[in-house]
Structures are given as structure tokens and as C-alpha cells.
Amino acid sequence: MTLADDLILAEQAAHEAGDLLRAHWDDRGTLTIDAKRQGDFVSQADHQSEALLRKRLLEARPGDGWLGEESAPSPGTRRWIVDPLDGTTNFLRGIAHWAVSIALEVDGRLVLGVVHDPLKAETFSAVTGGGLHLNGAPVVPAAPVGFDAALFGTGLPFGTMPHIDDHADDLARVLPGTAGIRRMGAAALDLAYVAAGRLDGFWERRLRPWDISAGLVLVREAGMRVEGWTPDERPETHGTVITAPPALFDDLAARLRAPQASRA
């Protein structure tokens, strides 16, 4: 069994879950929706997608562990980290920006990432040392741009999250020097877009492993620099990520890490 075999399995599972979600997209008005907390929703589409992914991946790899957003974890030196529907709020509101996200961790190291967008028929994938692919074809790195021409992505807290002011400070530091900032509501796809050169960088605080694990593999294989809120933090451990091409990273990180910024 090789990483190439694992990638085939992950892509097949992501497409199958994507087909299930695409069917629910057409009848989303009939879904039962629960709120985990203010602004954080889950539906039977999320649960069914995760059940499908867990069955497909663990039946094929019965000794592997599991970490998913909607079901109980299980340990393993190989562990699948899954968001069955990244961008649930977008999905439920009819906003066409959501995805299935699958990562594989081996001995504590992320080695495989798949982010599948069923509506746009786009599957971003990477394994360690293999580069970034989109629908199976290698992605050519985007030409670098200056900071003033850069378009960045971020995520914003919602409801009563305690770090809302931190993000307001971030925007005040970064916005004036750029071509703009996008908050699109699906971290896995945002990271895939950075990897593919559609965004020139991304940052967000306090994410969960299933939000970013697959995307971290994609951006690293695309040649992006990736750090936490401090250079020695690992985003997969601390949940806060800053990523951009090497030519832009230092400027972005310096603005975000300014002394007055709260630490994540």
C-alpha cells in the first residue's frame, strides 16, 4: 500500500460523498438543521456524508484511526482527518462555495490532502513530495505579485467568539496595503485556492484539525510558506494558520504579528 493508493481511495470517497451532498443541495430546504452554537450549524447532510466517508475509508484501511467533525474519534498511527461538509452555512443558504475535505496523517505528520468541490467539479489533491494537482493535472505555480496587488483570504469569527476584536485589528492592518480580502466561509477551499494561485495568501485563528489539515498539505505542496501565529507553531497543532507565497509571506506575517495584535 502506497500513498498513491491512499490518494485514489481518498479521491473516490470524496467524489462519492460529493454526489450525496449534491443530491441534498437540490433539496436542502427539506433538511433538518441543528445549531451547535450561535452561527454553527449541522444537518443530516453533514452526518450522512461523514458516515459514508468513515465507512469507505475505514473499511478499506481497517487499522487506521479517525478524526471527523461529526463522529467519535479513534486512534491510529495512520489517521484520516475529515470534514464531510466544509462550508455548511454556505451549503444551507444556497451559496455555492463548500467542499469535502480529507487528509491523511501518518505518525503525526500530514501526508495527503484532498479538497473536492462537487458543484464546480474541481478536486484539489496532493501527497507529500508529489506537488499539487487539480483534477489529476499538475498545477503550475502562479506568477508572484506585489503585496499591493495581492488578494488574501481569511475567516471571521461569528456569534459570541471571544476573538472578534483580534480579527478586526487584522483587517485594519492588512486591508490598506492590498487589492482586497475575501471571507468566503470554507477554510478548506480557501487554502486550496491559495495553493492554486487564486488567492495570494490566507490567515485564520483557532480552527479545528478537520478545517485545515487537507488544505495544509495542498499549500505546502504548492510551495507556500506556512506558519502559525509564531514561526515555531504548527497550524495543525495550534489551529491558527498564516500562509502565502514566499515573496509575500514576511510582509503578511509582520502585519498580522504586530505587537498590538492579540496572540491566538
C-alpha atoms as a PDB file:
ATOM      1  CA  MET A   1       0.000   0.000   0.000  1.00  0.00           C
ATOM      2  CA  THR A   2       1.415   3.360  -1.071  1.00  0.00           C
ATOM      3  CA  LEU A   3       0.376   6.988  -0.743  1.00  0.00           C
ATOM      4  CA  ALA A   4      -0.713   6.798  -4.365  1.00  0.00           C
ATOM      5  CA  ASP A   5      -3.159   4.048  -3.373  1.00  0.00           C
ATOM      6  CA  ASP A   6      -4.359   6.151  -0.440  1.00  0.00           C
ATOM      7  CA  LEU A   7      -4.877   9.110  -2.770  1.00  0.00           C
ATOM      8  CA  ILE A   8      -7.025   7.058  -5.152  1.00  0.00           C
ATOM      9  CA  LEU A   9      -9.099   5.871  -2.199  1.00  0.00           C
ATOM     10  CA  ALA A  10      -9.489   9.400  -0.782  1.00  0.00           C
ATOM     11  CA  GLU A  11     -10.476  10.883  -4.131  1.00  0.00           C
ATOM     12  CA  GLN A  12     -13.034   8.151  -4.762  1.00  0.00           C
ATOM     13  CA  ALA A  13     -14.525   8.609  -1.298  1.00  0.00           C
ATOM     14  CA  ALA A  14     -14.626  12.398  -1.700  1.00  0.00           C
ATOM     15  CA  HIS A  15     -16.437  12.094  -5.014  1.00  0.00           C
ATOM     16  CA  GLU A  16     -18.962   9.657  -3.574  1.00  0.00           C
ATOM     17  CA  ALA A  17     -19.637  11.984  -0.636  1.00  0.00           C
ATOM     18  CA  GLY A  18     -19.819  14.878  -3.075  1.00  0.00           C
ATOM     19  CA  ASP A  19     -22.521  13.080  -5.068  1.00  0.00           C
ATOM     20  CA  LEU A  20     -24.519  12.568  -1.870  1.00  0.00           C
ATOM     21  CA  LEU A  21     -24.170  16.232  -0.938  1.00  0.00           C
ATOM     22  CA  ARG A  22     -25.028  17.352  -4.463  1.00  0.00           C
ATOM     23  CA  ALA A  23     -28.337  15.493  -4.157  1.00  0.00           C
ATOM     24  CA  HIS A  24     -29.037  17.174  -0.814  1.00  0.00           C
ATOM     25  CA  TRP A  25     -28.105  20.540  -2.336  1.00  0.00           C
ATOM     26  CA  ASP A  26     -31.100  20.192  -4.617  1.00  0.00           C
ATOM     27  CA  ASP A  27     -33.491  19.540  -1.701  1.00  0.00           C
ATOM     28  CA  ARG A  28     -31.701  21.449   1.063  1.00  0.00           C
ATOM     29  CA  GLY A  29     -34.915  23.208   2.069  1.00  0.00           C
ATOM     30  CA  THR A  30     -36.169  19.907   3.492  1.00  0.00           C
ATOM     31  CA  LEU A  31     -33.085  19.215   5.655  1.00  0.00           C
ATOM     32  CA  THR A  32     -33.306  19.120   9.422  1.00  0.00           C
ATOM     33  CA  ILE A  33     -30.858  21.686  10.802  1.00  0.00           C
ATOM     34  CA  ASP A  34     -29.417  21.882  14.310  1.00  0.00           C
ATOM     35  CA  ALA A  35     -27.236  24.600  15.828  1.00  0.00           C
ATOM     36  CA  LYS A  36     -24.116  23.505  17.710  1.00  0.00           C
ATOM     37  CA  ARG A  37     -23.774  27.118  18.890  1.00  0.00           C
ATOM     38  CA  GLN A  38     -24.692  30.519  17.527  1.00  0.00           C
ATOM     39  CA  GLY A  39     -23.772  30.587  13.830  1.00  0.00           C
ATOM     40  CA  ASP A  40     -22.501  26.976  13.729  1.00  0.00           C
ATOM     41  CA  PHE A  41     -24.935  24.613  12.021  1.00  0.00           C
ATOM     42  CA  VAL A  42     -25.136  20.922  11.189  1.00  0.00           C
ATOM     43  CA  SER A  43     -27.665  18.966   9.131  1.00  0.00           C
ATOM     44  CA  GLN A  44     -28.295  15.370   8.183  1.00  0.00           C
ATOM     45  CA  ALA A  45     -26.302  16.087   5.020  1.00  0.00           C
ATOM     46  CA  ASP A  46     -23.179  16.555   7.197  1.00  0.00           C
ATOM     47  CA  HIS A  47     -23.910  13.395   9.186  1.00  0.00           C
ATOM     48  CA  GLN A  48     -24.652  11.247   6.138  1.00  0.00           C
ATOM     49  CA  SER A  49     -21.547  12.452   4.333  1.00  0.00           C
ATOM     50  CA  GLU A  50     -19.353  11.670   7.329  1.00  0.00           C
ATOM     51  CA  ALA A  51     -20.911   8.240   7.785  1.00  0.00           C
ATOM     52  CA  LEU A  52     -20.248   7.448   4.136  1.00  0.00           C
ATOM     53  CA  LEU A  53     -16.640   8.653   4.306  1.00  0.00           C
ATOM     54  CA  ARG A  54     -15.932   6.793   7.525  1.00  0.00           C
ATOM     55  CA  LYS A  55     -17.342   3.564   6.103  1.00  0.00           C
ATOM     56  CA  ARG A  56     -15.448   3.825   2.809  1.00  0.00           C
ATOM     57  CA  LEU A  57     -12.086   4.827   4.293  1.00  0.00           C
ATOM     58  CA  LEU A  58     -12.011   2.560   7.328  1.00  0.00           C
ATOM     59  CA  GLU A  59     -13.368  -0.483   5.520  1.00  0.00           C
ATOM     60  CA  ALA A  60     -10.537  -0.078   3.028  1.00  0.00           C
ATOM     61  CA  ARG A  61      -7.985   0.682   5.771  1.00  0.00           C
ATOM     62  CA  PRO A  62      -9.340  -1.136   8.851  1.00  0.00           C
ATOM     63  CA  GLY A  63      -6.324  -0.423  11.043  1.00  0.00           C
ATOM     64  CA  ASP A  64      -6.458   3.358  10.567  1.00  0.00           C
ATOM     65  CA  GLY A  65      -7.632   5.959  13.050  1.00  0.00           C
ATOM     66  CA  TRP A  66     -10.260   8.625  12.526  1.00  0.00           C
ATOM     67  CA  LEU A  67     -10.887  12.268  13.347  1.00  0.00           C
ATOM     68  CA  GLY A  68     -14.063  13.730  11.857  1.00  0.00           C
ATOM     69  CA  GLU A  69     -16.159  16.762  12.666  1.00  0.00           C
ATOM     70  CA  GLU A  70     -19.382  14.873  13.361  1.00  0.00           C
ATOM     71  CA  SER A  71     -18.427  11.493  14.829  1.00  0.00           C
ATOM     72  CA  ALA A  72     -16.342   9.967  17.610  1.00  0.00           C
ATOM     73  CA  PRO A  73     -12.569   9.790  17.045  1.00  0.00           C
ATOM     74  CA  SER A  74     -10.495   6.628  17.066  1.00  0.00           C
ATOM     75  CA  PRO A  75      -6.702   6.381  17.475  1.00  0.00           C
ATOM     76  CA  GLY A  76      -4.152   5.125  14.992  1.00  0.00           C
ATOM     77  CA  THR A  77      -0.634   5.834  13.772  1.00  0.00           C
ATOM     78  CA  ARG A  78      -2.342   6.424  10.426  1.00  0.00           C
ATOM     79  CA  ARG A  79      -5.341   8.692  10.895  1.00  0.00           C
ATOM     80  CA  TRP A  80      -7.901  10.124   8.476  1.00  0.00           C
ATOM     81  CA  ILE A  81      -8.927  13.704   9.288  1.00  0.00           C
ATOM     82  CA  VAL A  82     -12.203  14.595   7.598  1.00  0.00           C
ATOM     83  CA  ASP A  83     -14.612  17.483   7.220  1.00  0.00           C
ATOM     84  CA  PRO A  84     -17.625  15.917   5.498  1.00  0.00           C
ATOM     85  CA  LEU A  85     -19.057  19.306   4.502  1.00  0.00           C
ATOM     86  CA  ASP A  86     -16.751  22.284   4.838  1.00  0.00           C
ATOM     87  CA  GLY A  87     -18.901  25.389   4.487  1.00  0.00           C
ATOM     88  CA  THR A  88     -22.146  24.060   5.963  1.00  0.00           C
ATOM     89  CA  THR A  89     -23.650  27.531   6.376  1.00  0.00           C
ATOM     90  CA  ASN A  90     -22.937  28.319   2.726  1.00  0.00           C
ATOM     91  CA  PHE A  91     -24.497  24.999   1.724  1.00  0.00           C
ATOM     92  CA  LEU A  92     -27.674  25.578   3.733  1.00  0.00           C
ATOM     93  CA  ARG A  93     -28.053  29.138   2.409  1.00  0.00           C
ATOM     94  CA  GLY A  94     -27.604  28.146  -1.225  1.00  0.00           C
ATOM     95  CA  ILE A  95     -24.155  29.740  -1.550  1.00  0.00           C
ATOM     96  CA  ALA A  96     -22.125  27.615  -3.960  1.00  0.00           C
ATOM     97  CA  HIS A  97     -18.867  27.515  -2.007  1.00  0.00           C
ATOM     98  CA  TRP A  98     -18.453  24.315   0.011  1.00  0.00           C
ATOM     99  CA  ALA A  99     -16.416  21.132  -0.211  1.00  0.00           C
ATOM    100  CA  VAL A 100     -15.486  17.698   1.095  1.00  0.00           C
ATOM    101  CA  SER A 101     -12.096  17.696   2.835  1.00  0.00           C
ATOM    102  CA  ILE A 102      -9.985  14.581   3.525  1.00  0.00           C
ATOM    103  CA  ALA A 103      -6.466  14.420   4.961  1.00  0.00           C
ATOM    104  CA  LEU A 104      -4.247  11.531   5.990  1.00  0.00           C
ATOM    105  CA  GLU A 105      -1.846  11.823   8.906  1.00  0.00           C
ATOM    106  CA  VAL A 106       0.922   9.249   9.416  1.00  0.00           C
ATOM    107  CA  ASP A 107       2.911   9.230  12.651  1.00  0.00           C
ATOM    108  CA  GLY A 108       1.726  12.753  13.423  1.00  0.00           C
ATOM    109  CA  ARG A 109       2.633  14.179  10.002  1.00  0.00           C
ATOM    110  CA  LEU A 110       0.149  15.244   7.349  1.00  0.00           C
ATOM    111  CA  VAL A 111       0.993  13.425   4.117  1.00  0.00           C
ATOM    112  CA  LEU A 112      -2.136  13.594   1.909  1.00  0.00           C
ATOM    113  CA  GLY A 113      -4.860  16.129   1.222  1.00  0.00           C
ATOM    114  CA  VAL A 114      -7.976  16.111  -0.968  1.00  0.00           C
ATOM    115  CA  VAL A 115     -10.445  19.000  -1.225  1.00  0.00           C
ATOM    116  CA  HIS A 116     -13.351  18.230  -3.553  1.00  0.00           C
ATOM    117  CA  ASP A 117     -15.829  20.874  -4.752  1.00  0.00           C
ATOM    118  CA  PRO A 118     -18.769  18.935  -6.236  1.00  0.00           C
ATOM    119  CA  LEU A 119     -20.593  21.927  -7.714  1.00  0.00           C
ATOM    120  CA  LYS A 120     -17.592  23.149  -9.703  1.00  0.00           C
ATOM    121  CA  ALA A 121     -16.314  19.622 -10.417  1.00  0.00           C
ATOM    122  CA  GLU A 122     -12.894  20.523  -9.010  1.00  0.00           C
ATOM    123  CA  THR A 123     -10.744  18.166  -6.955  1.00  0.00           C
ATOM    124  CA  PHE A 124      -7.563  19.615  -5.456  1.00  0.00           C
ATOM    125  CA  SER A 125      -5.141  16.938  -4.276  1.00  0.00           C
ATOM    126  CA  ALA A 126      -1.588  16.437  -3.070  1.00  0.00           C
ATOM    127  CA  VAL A 127       0.658  13.917  -1.372  1.00  0.00           C
ATOM    128  CA  THR A 128       3.961  14.728   0.268  1.00  0.00           C
ATOM    129  CA  GLY A 129       6.630  15.216  -2.371  1.00  0.00           C
ATOM    130  CA  GLY A 130       4.188  14.944  -5.272  1.00  0.00           C
ATOM    131  CA  GLY A 131       3.166  18.558  -5.880  1.00  0.00           C
ATOM    132  CA  LEU A 132      -0.322  20.000  -6.242  1.00  0.00           C
ATOM    133  CA  HIS A 133      -2.879  18.611  -8.690  1.00  0.00           C
ATOM    134  CA  LEU A 134      -6.275  19.816  -9.868  1.00  0.00           C
ATOM    135  CA  ASN A 135      -8.498  17.134 -11.395  1.00  0.00           C
ATOM    136  CA  GLY A 136      -5.390  14.985 -11.770  1.00  0.00           C
ATOM    137  CA  ALA A 137      -3.297  17.547 -13.665  1.00  0.00           C
ATOM    138  CA  PRO A 138      -0.263  19.273 -12.131  1.00  0.00           C
ATOM    139  CA  VAL A 139      -0.842  22.912 -11.179  1.00  0.00           C
ATOM    140  CA  VAL A 140       1.745  25.369 -12.462  1.00  0.00           C
ATOM    141  CA  PRO A 141       2.680  27.868  -9.720  1.00  0.00           C
ATOM    142  CA  ALA A 142       1.202  31.312 -10.224  1.00  0.00           C
ATOM    143  CA  ALA A 143       3.486  34.215 -11.097  1.00  0.00           C
ATOM    144  CA  PRO A 144       4.269  36.271  -7.976  1.00  0.00           C
ATOM    145  CA  VAL A 145       2.515  39.601  -7.460  1.00  0.00           C
ATOM    146  CA  GLY A 146       3.426  42.568  -5.295  1.00  0.00           C
ATOM    147  CA  PHE A 147       1.751  42.994  -1.929  1.00  0.00           C
ATOM    148  CA  ASP A 148      -0.300  45.925  -3.182  1.00  0.00           C
ATOM    149  CA  ALA A 149      -1.768  43.689  -5.923  1.00  0.00           C
ATOM    150  CA  ALA A 150      -2.367  40.700  -3.637  1.00  0.00           C
ATOM    151  CA  LEU A 151      -5.783  39.262  -2.835  1.00  0.00           C
ATOM    152  CA  PHE A 152      -5.953  37.483   0.515  1.00  0.00           C
ATOM    153  CA  GLY A 153      -8.492  35.208   2.160  1.00  0.00           C
ATOM    154  CA  THR A 154      -9.420  34.952   5.805  1.00  0.00           C
ATOM    155  CA  GLY A 155     -12.078  33.620   8.111  1.00  0.00           C
ATOM    156  CA  LEU A 156     -14.007  35.735  10.576  1.00  0.00           C
ATOM    157  CA  PRO A 157     -15.340  34.662  13.972  1.00  0.00           C
ATOM    158  CA  PHE A 158     -19.078  34.649  14.491  1.00  0.00           C
ATOM    159  CA  GLY A 159     -21.632  34.651  17.260  1.00  0.00           C
ATOM    160  CA  THR A 160     -20.017  35.222  20.642  1.00  0.00           C
ATOM    161  CA  MET A 161     -16.498  34.033  19.790  1.00  0.00           C
ATOM    162  CA  PRO A 162     -14.033  35.911  22.008  1.00  0.00           C
ATOM    163  CA  HIS A 163     -11.508  36.878  19.319  1.00  0.00           C
ATOM    164  CA  ILE A 164     -13.702  39.094  17.142  1.00  0.00           C
ATOM    165  CA  ASP A 165     -11.671  42.191  18.038  1.00  0.00           C
ATOM    166  CA  ASP A 166      -8.448  40.429  17.026  1.00  0.00           C
ATOM    167  CA  HIS A 167      -9.785  39.898  13.512  1.00  0.00           C
ATOM    168  CA  ALA A 168     -10.952  43.491  13.269  1.00  0.00           C
ATOM    169  CA  ASP A 169      -7.390  44.542  14.099  1.00  0.00           C
ATOM    170  CA  ASP A 170      -6.033  42.139  11.480  1.00  0.00           C
ATOM    171  CA  LEU A 171      -8.215  43.654   8.782  1.00  0.00           C
ATOM    172  CA  ALA A 172      -7.192  47.182   9.730  1.00  0.00           C
ATOM    173  CA  ARG A 173      -3.517  46.247   9.300  1.00  0.00           C
ATOM    174  CA  VAL A 174      -3.746  44.173   6.137  1.00  0.00           C
ATOM    175  CA  LEU A 175      -6.511  45.760   4.048  1.00  0.00           C
ATOM    176  CA  PRO A 176      -4.943  49.158   3.288  1.00  0.00           C
ATOM    177  CA  GLY A 177      -1.926  47.638   1.551  1.00  0.00           C
ATOM    178  CA  THR A 178      -3.658  45.064  -0.649  1.00  0.00           C
ATOM    179  CA  ALA A 179      -6.002  44.584  -3.582  1.00  0.00           C
ATOM    180  CA  GLY A 180      -8.611  43.173  -1.205  1.00  0.00           C
ATOM    181  CA  ILE A 181      -9.600  40.479   1.262  1.00  0.00           C
ATOM    182  CA  ARG A 182     -12.201  37.753   0.812  1.00  0.00           C
ATOM    183  CA  ARG A 183     -14.130  35.927   3.554  1.00  0.00           C
ATOM    184  CA  MET A 184     -15.762  33.032   1.714  1.00  0.00           C
ATOM    185  CA  GLY A 185     -16.724  30.731   4.567  1.00  0.00           C
ATOM    186  CA  ALA A 186     -14.941  27.455   3.777  1.00  0.00           C
ATOM    187  CA  ALA A 187     -11.348  27.243   5.035  1.00  0.00           C
ATOM    188  CA  ALA A 188     -10.524  24.060   3.119  1.00  0.00           C
ATOM    189  CA  LEU A 189     -11.461  25.675  -0.204  1.00  0.00           C
ATOM    190  CA  ASP A 190      -9.726  28.917   0.762  1.00  0.00           C
ATOM    191  CA  LEU A 191      -6.485  27.027   1.304  1.00  0.00           C
ATOM    192  CA  ALA A 192      -6.987  25.140  -1.960  1.00  0.00           C
ATOM    193  CA  TYR A 193      -7.416  28.488  -3.707  1.00  0.00           C
ATOM    194  CA  VAL A 194      -4.153  29.745  -2.200  1.00  0.00           C
ATOM    195  CA  ALA A 195      -2.411  26.598  -3.393  1.00  0.00           C
ATOM    196  CA  ALA A 196      -3.820  27.111  -6.905  1.00  0.00           C
ATOM    197  CA  GLY A 197      -2.911  30.822  -7.010  1.00  0.00           C
ATOM    198  CA  ARG A 198      -6.482  32.141  -6.941  1.00  0.00           C
ATOM    199  CA  LEU A 199      -5.777  33.779  -3.581  1.00  0.00           C
ATOM    200  CA  ASP A 200      -2.349  35.122  -2.640  1.00  0.00           C
ATOM    201  CA  GLY A 201      -2.494  34.100   0.993  1.00  0.00           C
ATOM    202  CA  PHE A 202      -4.758  33.201   3.878  1.00  0.00           C
ATOM    203  CA  TRP A 203      -4.909  33.506   7.639  1.00  0.00           C
ATOM    204  CA  GLU A 204      -7.334  32.474  10.337  1.00  0.00           C
ATOM    205  CA  ARG A 205      -7.274  31.831  14.077  1.00  0.00           C
ATOM    206  CA  ARG A 206      -8.461  28.882  16.163  1.00  0.00           C
ATOM    207  CA  LEU A 207      -9.510  26.427  13.507  1.00  0.00           C
ATOM    208  CA  ARG A 208     -10.037  22.720  14.111  1.00  0.00           C
ATOM    209  CA  PRO A 209      -7.913  19.974  12.518  1.00  0.00           C
ATOM    210  CA  TRP A 210     -10.652  18.952  10.059  1.00  0.00           C
ATOM    211  CA  ASP A 211     -10.922  22.565   8.862  1.00  0.00           C
ATOM    212  CA  ILE A 212      -7.322  22.855   7.694  1.00  0.00           C
ATOM    213  CA  SER A 213      -5.488  19.516   7.544  1.00  0.00           C
ATOM    214  CA  ALA A 214      -6.129  18.732   3.868  1.00  0.00           C
ATOM    215  CA  GLY A 215      -5.559  22.363   2.897  1.00  0.00           C
ATOM    216  CA  LEU A 216      -2.213  22.451   4.699  1.00  0.00           C
ATOM    217  CA  VAL A 217      -0.967  19.589   2.543  1.00  0.00           C
ATOM    218  CA  LEU A 218      -2.116  21.433  -0.584  1.00  0.00           C
ATOM    219  CA  VAL A 219      -0.427  24.753   0.207  1.00  0.00           C
ATOM    220  CA  ARG A 220       2.805  23.102   1.296  1.00  0.00           C
ATOM    221  CA  GLU A 221       3.000  21.047  -1.885  1.00  0.00           C
ATOM    222  CA  ALA A 222       2.300  24.197  -3.905  1.00  0.00           C
ATOM    223  CA  GLY A 223       5.387  25.839  -2.384  1.00  0.00           C
ATOM    224  CA  MET A 224       3.673  28.192   0.047  1.00  0.00           C
ATOM    225  CA  ARG A 225       5.192  29.150   3.371  1.00  0.00           C
ATOM    226  CA  VAL A 226       3.021  28.014   6.253  1.00  0.00           C
ATOM    227  CA  GLU A 227       3.327  29.022   9.907  1.00  0.00           C
ATOM    228  CA  GLY A 228       1.191  29.541  12.981  1.00  0.00           C
ATOM    229  CA  TRP A 229       0.859  32.791  14.870  1.00  0.00           C
ATOM    230  CA  THR A 230       4.517  32.442  15.774  1.00  0.00           C
ATOM    231  CA  PRO A 231       7.103  30.890  13.457  1.00  0.00           C
ATOM    232  CA  ASP A 232       7.569  27.845  15.673  1.00  0.00           C
ATOM    233  CA  GLU A 233       3.866  26.987  15.959  1.00  0.00           C
ATOM    234  CA  ARG A 234       2.449  24.201  13.809  1.00  0.00           C
ATOM    235  CA  PRO A 235      -1.015  25.139  12.474  1.00  0.00           C
ATOM    236  CA  GLU A 236      -2.153  21.522  12.695  1.00  0.00           C
ATOM    237  CA  THR A 237      -1.434  21.626  16.446  1.00  0.00           C
ATOM    238  CA  HIS A 238      -2.477  25.167  17.399  1.00  0.00           C
ATOM    239  CA  GLY A 239      -5.256  25.766  14.852  1.00  0.00           C
ATOM    240  CA  THR A 240      -4.029  29.158  13.670  1.00  0.00           C
ATOM    241  CA  VAL A 241      -2.574  29.414  10.177  1.00  0.00           C
ATOM    242  CA  ILE A 242      -0.776  32.048   8.122  1.00  0.00           C
ATOM    243  CA  THR A 243       0.192  31.068   4.589  1.00  0.00           C
ATOM    244  CA  ALA A 244       1.340  32.880   1.452  1.00  0.00           C
ATOM    245  CA  PRO A 245       3.936  32.541  -1.298  1.00  0.00           C
ATOM    246  CA  PRO A 246       7.487  33.144  -0.010  1.00  0.00           C
ATOM    247  CA  ALA A 247       7.648  36.561  -1.695  1.00  0.00           C
ATOM    248  CA  LEU A 248       4.592  37.794   0.241  1.00  0.00           C
ATOM    249  CA  PHE A 249       4.765  35.849   3.476  1.00  0.00           C
ATOM    250  CA  ASP A 250       7.060  38.072   5.534  1.00  0.00           C
ATOM    251  CA  ASP A 251       5.021  41.203   4.797  1.00  0.00           C
ATOM    252  CA  LEU A 252       1.709  39.496   5.599  1.00  0.00           C
ATOM    253  CA  ALA A 253       3.028  37.850   8.765  1.00  0.00           C
ATOM    254  CA  ALA A 254       4.625  41.083  10.007  1.00  0.00           C
ATOM    255  CA  ARG A 255       1.338  42.948   9.699  1.00  0.00           C
ATOM    256  CA  LEU A 256      -0.575  40.194  11.481  1.00  0.00           C
ATOM    257  CA  ARG A 257       2.024  39.738  14.194  1.00  0.00           C
ATOM    258  CA  ALA A 258       2.358  43.430  15.014  1.00  0.00           C
ATOM    259  CA  PRO A 259       2.882  43.990  18.778  1.00  0.00           C
ATOM    260  CA  GLN A 260      -0.628  45.277  19.359  1.00  0.00           C
ATOM    261  CA  ALA A 261      -2.171  42.112  17.888  1.00  0.00           C
ATOM    262  CA  SER A 262      -3.528  39.619  20.420  1.00  0.00           C
ATOM    263  CA  ARG A 263      -1.859  36.235  20.362  1.00  0.00           C
ATOM    264  CA  ALA A 264      -4.072  33.412  19.138  1.00  0.00           C
END
